[in-house]
Amino acid sequence: MKYLIRKEIAGFFSSSMGYVILFVWLLAVSLMLWFFAGEYNLLDGGFATLRPFFSLAPVLFLLLVPSVTMRMFAEEKRMGTLELLFSRPIKISTIVVSKFWSAWLLMVIALIPTLIYLISILSLSTAGIDSGEIIGGYFGLLCLLAAFVSIGLFSSSLTSNQLIAFLIAALLSFATFYGFELIASLTSNGSLHNTWAQLGVQAHYQSMSRGVIDTRDLIYFASVTIFFIYLTIQVNTRKR
């Protein structure tokens, strides 16, 4: 599994596209947080908090994660290397899980430079910051990335066209993050509203980004991730 993970990460950085994707991500975040006026601007808020970043990141992840995962299976199908990989004495589950971990680690690498925003806020603050919110926010992002990566892998396993894989992943990620919240907004019944909202990713992520790490939220993200990994294994098992 370690070899497959290293292979995927090395393959991502072997082309200029990998660096371009990471550069665009960091540029977009930096511009929105420090230069463009609006709800995400850290300086306009007047408080020493990374809450705007934790609100902005999921929106950008809806495009960033599919752009990384779209090639995981689709490109290998197009190149014919997936058949070669399947012909080796390696379990389908091992291949899928390896691709999941490699894509998730790539997203973690993309998150690491954002720690400079934390350092900047600390240097600007005189009273300190809410460490619980910071820890919960970043932990929530790691869980959110796991869910989006599993959705992206499933989407990539459905087609040999990277663009189609990107679109499917973006739409599914959007539906899981915003879809249930939109349905919940259509009902005035309080309990029904909460039920629909709790089915979506957004409610659980927002809870964690406020610094509250609840077991129910962890179980939710684990369930979504495992579910789409399972679907990806089943798709590739049938094709094998």
C-alpha atoms as a PDB file:
ATOM      1  CA  MET A   1       0.000   0.000   0.000  1.00  0.00           C
ATOM      2  CA  LYS A   2       2.870   2.399   0.806  1.00  0.00           C
ATOM      3  CA  TYR A   3       4.256   1.916  -2.696  1.00  0.00           C
ATOM      4  CA  LEU A   4       0.891   2.725  -4.296  1.00  0.00           C
ATOM      5  CA  ILE A   5       0.480   5.834  -2.137  1.00  0.00           C
ATOM      6  CA  ARG A   6       3.975   7.069  -3.020  1.00  0.00           C
ATOM      7  CA  LYS A   7       3.293   6.338  -6.690  1.00  0.00           C
ATOM      8  CA  GLU A   8       0.102   8.421  -6.720  1.00  0.00           C
ATOM      9  CA  ILE A   9       1.660  11.373  -4.889  1.00  0.00           C
ATOM     10  CA  ALA A  10       4.740  11.296  -7.123  1.00  0.00           C
ATOM     11  CA  GLY A  11       2.486  11.114 -10.189  1.00  0.00           C
ATOM     12  CA  PHE A  12       0.600  14.215  -9.043  1.00  0.00           C
ATOM     13  CA  PHE A  13       3.769  16.266  -8.679  1.00  0.00           C
ATOM     14  CA  SER A  14       5.432  14.841 -11.799  1.00  0.00           C
ATOM     15  CA  SER A  15       3.361  17.159 -13.989  1.00  0.00           C
ATOM     16  CA  SER A  16       3.004  20.925 -13.863  1.00  0.00           C
ATOM     17  CA  MET A  17      -0.764  20.512 -13.407  1.00  0.00           C
ATOM     18  CA  GLY A  18      -0.271  19.409  -9.810  1.00  0.00           C
ATOM     19  CA  TYR A  19       1.655  22.544  -8.930  1.00  0.00           C
ATOM     20  CA  VAL A  20      -0.826  24.721 -10.829  1.00  0.00           C
ATOM     21  CA  ILE A  21      -3.757  23.287  -8.856  1.00  0.00           C
ATOM     22  CA  LEU A  22      -2.048  23.943  -5.509  1.00  0.00           C
ATOM     23  CA  PHE A  23      -0.956  27.434  -6.604  1.00  0.00           C
ATOM     24  CA  VAL A  24      -4.477  28.385  -7.702  1.00  0.00           C
ATOM     25  CA  TRP A  25      -5.899  27.095  -4.405  1.00  0.00           C
ATOM     26  CA  LEU A  26      -3.480  29.125  -2.274  1.00  0.00           C
ATOM     27  CA  LEU A  27      -3.851  32.204  -4.478  1.00  0.00           C
ATOM     28  CA  ALA A  28      -7.667  32.077  -4.288  1.00  0.00           C
ATOM     29  CA  VAL A  29      -7.640  31.662  -0.488  1.00  0.00           C
ATOM     30  CA  SER A  30      -5.092  34.444   0.032  1.00  0.00           C
ATOM     31  CA  LEU A  31      -6.944  36.903  -2.185  1.00  0.00           C
ATOM     32  CA  MET A  32     -10.293  36.217  -0.541  1.00  0.00           C
ATOM     33  CA  LEU A  33      -8.921  36.425   3.000  1.00  0.00           C
ATOM     34  CA  TRP A  34      -6.566  39.396   2.715  1.00  0.00           C
ATOM     35  CA  PHE A  35      -7.248  41.477  -0.405  1.00  0.00           C
ATOM     36  CA  PHE A  36     -10.874  41.248  -1.570  1.00  0.00           C
ATOM     37  CA  ALA A  37     -13.392  43.071   0.596  1.00  0.00           C
ATOM     38  CA  GLY A  38     -16.298  40.953   1.815  1.00  0.00           C
ATOM     39  CA  GLU A  39     -17.449  38.488   4.437  1.00  0.00           C
ATOM     40  CA  TYR A  40     -14.302  36.366   4.097  1.00  0.00           C
ATOM     41  CA  ASN A  41     -11.788  39.189   4.586  1.00  0.00           C
ATOM     42  CA  LEU A  42      -9.927  38.658   7.867  1.00  0.00           C
ATOM     43  CA  LEU A  43      -9.014  42.315   8.346  1.00  0.00           C
ATOM     44  CA  ASP A  44     -12.553  43.592   7.737  1.00  0.00           C
ATOM     45  CA  GLY A  45     -13.949  41.335  10.460  1.00  0.00           C
ATOM     46  CA  GLY A  46     -12.147  43.173  13.225  1.00  0.00           C
ATOM     47  CA  PHE A  47     -11.648  39.987  15.282  1.00  0.00           C
ATOM     48  CA  ALA A  48      -8.662  37.674  15.649  1.00  0.00           C
ATOM     49  CA  THR A  49     -10.292  34.561  14.230  1.00  0.00           C
ATOM     50  CA  LEU A  50      -9.923  32.154  11.317  1.00  0.00           C
ATOM     51  CA  ARG A  51     -13.678  31.661  11.095  1.00  0.00           C
ATOM     52  CA  PRO A  52     -13.818  33.289   7.611  1.00  0.00           C
ATOM     53  CA  PHE A  53     -11.220  30.786   6.387  1.00  0.00           C
ATOM     54  CA  PHE A  54     -13.187  27.849   7.784  1.00  0.00           C
ATOM     55  CA  SER A  55     -16.284  29.181   5.985  1.00  0.00           C
ATOM     56  CA  LEU A  56     -14.448  29.754   2.699  1.00  0.00           C
ATOM     57  CA  ALA A  57     -12.428  26.522   2.519  1.00  0.00           C
ATOM     58  CA  PRO A  58     -15.394  24.137   1.909  1.00  0.00           C
ATOM     59  CA  VAL A  59     -16.563  26.297  -1.016  1.00  0.00           C
ATOM     60  CA  LEU A  60     -13.138  26.081  -2.670  1.00  0.00           C
ATOM     61  CA  PHE A  61     -12.817  22.377  -1.824  1.00  0.00           C
ATOM     62  CA  LEU A  62     -15.879  21.738  -3.996  1.00  0.00           C
ATOM     63  CA  LEU A  63     -13.597  22.505  -6.964  1.00  0.00           C
ATOM     64  CA  LEU A  64     -10.152  21.661  -5.583  1.00  0.00           C
ATOM     65  CA  VAL A  65     -10.817  18.080  -4.482  1.00  0.00           C
ATOM     66  CA  PRO A  66     -12.511  16.974  -7.757  1.00  0.00           C
ATOM     67  CA  SER A  67      -9.598  18.481  -9.711  1.00  0.00           C
ATOM     68  CA  VAL A  68      -7.225  16.195  -7.786  1.00  0.00           C
ATOM     69  CA  THR A  69      -9.335  13.016  -7.694  1.00  0.00           C
ATOM     70  CA  MET A  70     -10.643  13.166 -11.281  1.00  0.00           C
ATOM     71  CA  ARG A  71      -7.515  11.488 -12.634  1.00  0.00           C
ATOM     72  CA  MET A  72      -7.253   8.731 -10.008  1.00  0.00           C
ATOM     73  CA  PHE A  73      -9.211   6.131 -11.998  1.00  0.00           C
ATOM     74  CA  ALA A  74     -10.358   7.987 -15.124  1.00  0.00           C
ATOM     75  CA  GLU A  75      -6.838   8.681 -16.379  1.00  0.00           C
ATOM     76  CA  GLU A  76      -5.682   5.131 -15.690  1.00  0.00           C
ATOM     77  CA  LYS A  77      -8.670   3.806 -17.631  1.00  0.00           C
ATOM     78  CA  ARG A  78      -7.895   6.074 -20.570  1.00  0.00           C
ATOM     79  CA  MET A  79      -4.222   5.087 -20.563  1.00  0.00           C
ATOM     80  CA  GLY A  80      -4.998   1.389 -20.099  1.00  0.00           C
ATOM     81  CA  THR A  81      -2.842   1.123 -16.968  1.00  0.00           C
ATOM     82  CA  LEU A  82      -5.771   0.241 -14.715  1.00  0.00           C
ATOM     83  CA  GLU A  83      -6.105  -3.179 -16.378  1.00  0.00           C
ATOM     84  CA  LEU A  84      -2.420  -3.724 -15.730  1.00  0.00           C
ATOM     85  CA  LEU A  85      -2.879  -2.801 -12.089  1.00  0.00           C
ATOM     86  CA  PHE A  86      -5.876  -5.124 -11.774  1.00  0.00           C
ATOM     87  CA  SER A  87      -3.876  -7.995 -13.268  1.00  0.00           C
ATOM     88  CA  ARG A  88      -1.446  -7.911 -10.362  1.00  0.00           C
ATOM     89  CA  PRO A  89      -2.099  -9.919  -7.175  1.00  0.00           C
ATOM     90  CA  ILE A  90      -3.415  -6.870  -5.340  1.00  0.00           C
ATOM     91  CA  LYS A  91      -6.865  -6.619  -3.801  1.00  0.00           C
ATOM     92  CA  ILE A  92      -9.228  -4.069  -5.306  1.00  0.00           C
ATOM     93  CA  SER A  93      -9.834  -2.713  -1.809  1.00  0.00           C
ATOM     94  CA  THR A  94      -6.089  -2.129  -1.359  1.00  0.00           C
ATOM     95  CA  ILE A  95      -5.901  -0.186  -4.623  1.00  0.00           C
ATOM     96  CA  VAL A  96      -8.923   1.969  -3.758  1.00  0.00           C
ATOM     97  CA  VAL A  97      -7.820   2.662  -0.181  1.00  0.00           C
ATOM     98  CA  SER A  98      -4.300   3.531  -1.401  1.00  0.00           C
ATOM     99  CA  LYS A  99      -5.703   6.045  -3.860  1.00  0.00           C
ATOM    100  CA  PHE A 100      -7.916   7.471  -1.126  1.00  0.00           C
ATOM    101  CA  TRP A 101      -4.994   7.999   1.263  1.00  0.00           C
ATOM    102  CA  SER A 102      -2.792   9.488  -1.450  1.00  0.00           C
ATOM    103  CA  ALA A 103      -5.483  12.013  -2.482  1.00  0.00           C
ATOM    104  CA  TRP A 104      -6.261  12.847   1.144  1.00  0.00           C
ATOM    105  CA  LEU A 105      -2.566  13.393   1.914  1.00  0.00           C
ATOM    106  CA  LEU A 106      -2.285  15.681  -1.109  1.00  0.00           C
ATOM    107  CA  MET A 107      -5.118  17.759   0.313  1.00  0.00           C
ATOM    108  CA  VAL A 108      -3.387  17.851   3.694  1.00  0.00           C
ATOM    109  CA  ILE A 109      -0.252  19.119   1.936  1.00  0.00           C
ATOM    110  CA  ALA A 110      -2.414  21.849   0.383  1.00  0.00           C
ATOM    111  CA  LEU A 111      -3.684  22.788   3.869  1.00  0.00           C
ATOM    112  CA  ILE A 112      -0.269  23.069   5.524  1.00  0.00           C
ATOM    113  CA  PRO A 113       0.676  26.460   3.947  1.00  0.00           C
ATOM    114  CA  THR A 114      -2.556  27.951   5.342  1.00  0.00           C
ATOM    115  CA  LEU A 115      -1.008  27.749   8.812  1.00  0.00           C
ATOM    116  CA  ILE A 116       0.708  31.008   7.899  1.00  0.00           C
ATOM    117  CA  TYR A 117      -2.740  32.639   8.226  1.00  0.00           C
ATOM    118  CA  LEU A 118      -2.854  31.388  11.814  1.00  0.00           C
ATOM    119  CA  ILE A 119       0.589  32.853  12.485  1.00  0.00           C
ATOM    120  CA  SER A 120      -0.513  36.161  10.941  1.00  0.00           C
ATOM    121  CA  ILE A 121      -3.650  36.335  13.085  1.00  0.00           C
ATOM    122  CA  LEU A 122      -1.623  35.534  16.205  1.00  0.00           C
ATOM    123  CA  SER A 123       0.807  38.339  15.413  1.00  0.00           C
ATOM    124  CA  LEU A 124      -2.042  40.814  14.897  1.00  0.00           C
ATOM    125  CA  SER A 125      -3.956  39.819  18.023  1.00  0.00           C
ATOM    126  CA  THR A 126      -3.268  41.339  21.431  1.00  0.00           C
ATOM    127  CA  ALA A 127      -5.668  39.156  23.402  1.00  0.00           C
ATOM    128  CA  GLY A 128      -4.957  35.805  21.765  1.00  0.00           C
ATOM    129  CA  ILE A 129      -7.322  33.579  19.815  1.00  0.00           C
ATOM    130  CA  ASP A 130      -9.759  30.767  20.531  1.00  0.00           C
ATOM    131  CA  SER A 131      -7.512  27.683  20.287  1.00  0.00           C
ATOM    132  CA  GLY A 132     -10.519  25.343  20.513  1.00  0.00           C
ATOM    133  CA  GLU A 133     -12.058  26.913  17.429  1.00  0.00           C
ATOM    134  CA  ILE A 134      -8.773  26.612  15.513  1.00  0.00           C
ATOM    135  CA  ILE A 135      -8.279  22.950  16.431  1.00  0.00           C
ATOM    136  CA  GLY A 136     -11.909  22.100  15.728  1.00  0.00           C
ATOM    137  CA  GLY A 137     -11.852  24.018  12.456  1.00  0.00           C
ATOM    138  CA  TYR A 138      -8.799  22.252  11.071  1.00  0.00           C
ATOM    139  CA  PHE A 139     -10.009  18.884  12.334  1.00  0.00           C
ATOM    140  CA  GLY A 140     -13.321  19.548  10.631  1.00  0.00           C
ATOM    141  CA  LEU A 141     -11.497  20.344   7.376  1.00  0.00           C
ATOM    142  CA  LEU A 142      -9.609  17.033   7.564  1.00  0.00           C
ATOM    143  CA  CYS A 143     -12.900  15.164   8.004  1.00  0.00           C
ATOM    144  CA  LEU A 144     -14.529  17.171   5.214  1.00  0.00           C
ATOM    145  CA  LEU A 145     -11.613  16.375   2.902  1.00  0.00           C
ATOM    146  CA  ALA A 146     -11.985  12.668   3.639  1.00  0.00           C
ATOM    147  CA  ALA A 147     -15.657  12.793   2.613  1.00  0.00           C
ATOM    148  CA  PHE A 148     -15.003  14.839  -0.551  1.00  0.00           C
ATOM    149  CA  VAL A 149     -12.039  12.651  -1.569  1.00  0.00           C
ATOM    150  CA  SER A 150     -14.120   9.464  -1.247  1.00  0.00           C
ATOM    151  CA  ILE A 151     -16.835  11.083  -3.401  1.00  0.00           C
ATOM    152  CA  GLY A 152     -14.203  12.131  -5.949  1.00  0.00           C
ATOM    153  CA  LEU A 153     -12.759   8.617  -6.155  1.00  0.00           C
ATOM    154  CA  PHE A 154     -16.209   7.143  -6.696  1.00  0.00           C
ATOM    155  CA  SER A 155     -16.900   9.661  -9.472  1.00  0.00           C
ATOM    156  CA  SER A 156     -13.553   8.932 -11.142  1.00  0.00           C
ATOM    157  CA  SER A 157     -14.275   5.189 -11.102  1.00  0.00           C
ATOM    158  CA  LEU A 158     -17.460   5.723 -13.149  1.00  0.00           C
ATOM    159  CA  THR A 159     -15.827   7.092 -16.306  1.00  0.00           C
ATOM    160  CA  SER A 160     -12.622   7.338 -18.323  1.00  0.00           C
ATOM    161  CA  ASN A 161     -13.186  11.041 -19.017  1.00  0.00           C
ATOM    162  CA  GLN A 162     -11.535  13.318 -16.458  1.00  0.00           C
ATOM    163  CA  LEU A 163     -13.839  16.253 -17.175  1.00  0.00           C
ATOM    164  CA  ILE A 164     -16.945  14.118 -16.602  1.00  0.00           C
ATOM    165  CA  ALA A 165     -15.374  12.726 -13.415  1.00  0.00           C
ATOM    166  CA  PHE A 166     -14.719  16.288 -12.234  1.00  0.00           C
ATOM    167  CA  LEU A 167     -18.304  17.374 -12.908  1.00  0.00           C
ATOM    168  CA  ILE A 168     -19.835  14.325 -11.205  1.00  0.00           C
ATOM    169  CA  ALA A 169     -17.612  14.789  -8.150  1.00  0.00           C
ATOM    170  CA  ALA A 170     -18.352  18.516  -7.933  1.00  0.00           C
ATOM    171  CA  LEU A 171     -22.109  17.950  -8.220  1.00  0.00           C
ATOM    172  CA  LEU A 172     -22.163  15.107  -5.682  1.00  0.00           C
ATOM    173  CA  SER A 173     -20.010  17.074  -3.243  1.00  0.00           C
ATOM    174  CA  PHE A 174     -22.252  20.113  -3.644  1.00  0.00           C
ATOM    175  CA  ALA A 175     -25.350  17.964  -3.090  1.00  0.00           C
ATOM    176  CA  THR A 176     -23.988  16.360   0.074  1.00  0.00           C
ATOM    177  CA  PHE A 177     -22.774  19.687   1.483  1.00  0.00           C
ATOM    178  CA  TYR A 178     -25.585  22.071   0.518  1.00  0.00           C
ATOM    179  CA  GLY A 179     -28.390  19.829  -0.763  1.00  0.00           C
ATOM    180  CA  PHE A 180     -29.900  18.707   2.536  1.00  0.00           C
ATOM    181  CA  GLU A 181     -29.594  22.222   3.950  1.00  0.00           C
ATOM    182  CA  LEU A 182     -31.583  23.523   0.973  1.00  0.00           C
ATOM    183  CA  ILE A 183     -34.264  20.878   1.515  1.00  0.00           C
ATOM    184  CA  ALA A 184     -34.374  21.750   5.221  1.00  0.00           C
ATOM    185  CA  SER A 185     -34.935  25.422   4.386  1.00  0.00           C
ATOM    186  CA  LEU A 186     -38.124  24.486   2.530  1.00  0.00           C
ATOM    187  CA  THR A 187     -39.871  23.203   5.645  1.00  0.00           C
ATOM    188  CA  SER A 188     -41.114  25.284   8.579  1.00  0.00           C
ATOM    189  CA  ASN A 189     -41.383  22.296  10.890  1.00  0.00           C
ATOM    190  CA  GLY A 190     -38.542  22.603  13.424  1.00  0.00           C
ATOM    191  CA  SER A 191     -37.883  18.906  14.017  1.00  0.00           C
ATOM    192  CA  LEU A 192     -38.165  18.055  10.306  1.00  0.00           C
ATOM    193  CA  HIS A 193     -35.862  20.941   9.473  1.00  0.00           C
ATOM    194  CA  ASN A 194     -33.224  19.634  11.899  1.00  0.00           C
ATOM    195  CA  THR A 195     -33.604  16.082  10.593  1.00  0.00           C
ATOM    196  CA  TRP A 196     -32.927  17.116   6.997  1.00  0.00           C
ATOM    197  CA  ALA A 197     -30.071  19.413   8.037  1.00  0.00           C
ATOM    198  CA  GLN A 198     -28.369  16.650  10.042  1.00  0.00           C
ATOM    199  CA  LEU A 199     -28.355  14.418   6.962  1.00  0.00           C
ATOM    200  CA  GLY A 200     -26.058  16.883   5.198  1.00  0.00           C
ATOM    201  CA  VAL A 201     -22.333  17.453   5.554  1.00  0.00           C
ATOM    202  CA  GLN A 202     -22.629  21.182   6.213  1.00  0.00           C
ATOM    203  CA  ALA A 203     -24.312  20.902   9.634  1.00  0.00           C
ATOM    204  CA  HIS A 204     -21.695  18.481  10.959  1.00  0.00           C
ATOM    205  CA  TYR A 205     -18.802  20.484   9.558  1.00  0.00           C
ATOM    206  CA  GLN A 206     -20.104  23.752  10.994  1.00  0.00           C
ATOM    207  CA  SER A 207     -20.449  22.128  14.405  1.00  0.00           C
ATOM    208  CA  MET A 208     -16.787  21.079  14.338  1.00  0.00           C
ATOM    209  CA  SER A 209     -15.582  24.418  12.945  1.00  0.00           C
ATOM    210  CA  ARG A 210     -17.032  26.112  16.027  1.00  0.00           C
ATOM    211  CA  GLY A 211     -14.674  24.037  18.156  1.00  0.00           C
ATOM    212  CA  VAL A 212     -17.149  21.322  19.150  1.00  0.00           C
ATOM    213  CA  ILE A 213     -15.820  17.862  18.272  1.00  0.00           C
ATOM    214  CA  ASP A 214     -18.795  15.579  18.829  1.00  0.00           C
ATOM    215  CA  THR A 215     -18.711  11.788  18.441  1.00  0.00           C
ATOM    216  CA  ARG A 216     -21.832  11.980  16.269  1.00  0.00           C
ATOM    217  CA  ASP A 217     -20.050  14.239  13.798  1.00  0.00           C
ATOM    218  CA  LEU A 218     -17.044  11.902  13.641  1.00  0.00           C
ATOM    219  CA  ILE A 219     -19.318   8.902  13.058  1.00  0.00           C
ATOM    220  CA  TYR A 220     -21.163  10.826  10.335  1.00  0.00           C
ATOM    221  CA  PHE A 221     -17.996  11.706   8.404  1.00  0.00           C
ATOM    222  CA  ALA A 222     -16.616   8.190   8.828  1.00  0.00           C
ATOM    223  CA  SER A 223     -19.887   6.726   7.518  1.00  0.00           C
ATOM    224  CA  VAL A 224     -19.975   8.983   4.429  1.00  0.00           C
ATOM    225  CA  THR A 225     -16.319   8.258   3.646  1.00  0.00           C
ATOM    226  CA  ILE A 226     -16.609   4.499   4.089  1.00  0.00           C
ATOM    227  CA  PHE A 227     -19.858   4.417   2.079  1.00  0.00           C
ATOM    228  CA  PHE A 228     -18.313   6.019  -1.016  1.00  0.00           C
ATOM    229  CA  ILE A 229     -15.114   3.988  -0.678  1.00  0.00           C
ATOM    230  CA  TYR A 230     -17.296   0.870  -0.590  1.00  0.00           C
ATOM    231  CA  LEU A 231     -19.146   2.011  -3.728  1.00  0.00           C
ATOM    232  CA  THR A 232     -15.820   2.636  -5.472  1.00  0.00           C
ATOM    233  CA  ILE A 233     -14.622  -0.868  -4.573  1.00  0.00           C
ATOM    234  CA  GLN A 234     -17.845  -2.364  -5.916  1.00  0.00           C
ATOM    235  CA  VAL A 235     -17.631  -0.434  -9.208  1.00  0.00           C
ATOM    236  CA  ASN A 236     -14.049  -1.544  -9.793  1.00  0.00           C
ATOM    237  CA  THR A 237     -14.759  -5.133  -8.714  1.00  0.00           C
ATOM    238  CA  ARG A 238     -17.468  -5.413 -11.383  1.00  0.00           C
ATOM    239  CA  LYS A 239     -15.185  -3.931 -14.031  1.00  0.00           C
ATOM    240  CA  ARG A 240     -12.380  -6.285 -13.077  1.00  0.00           C
END
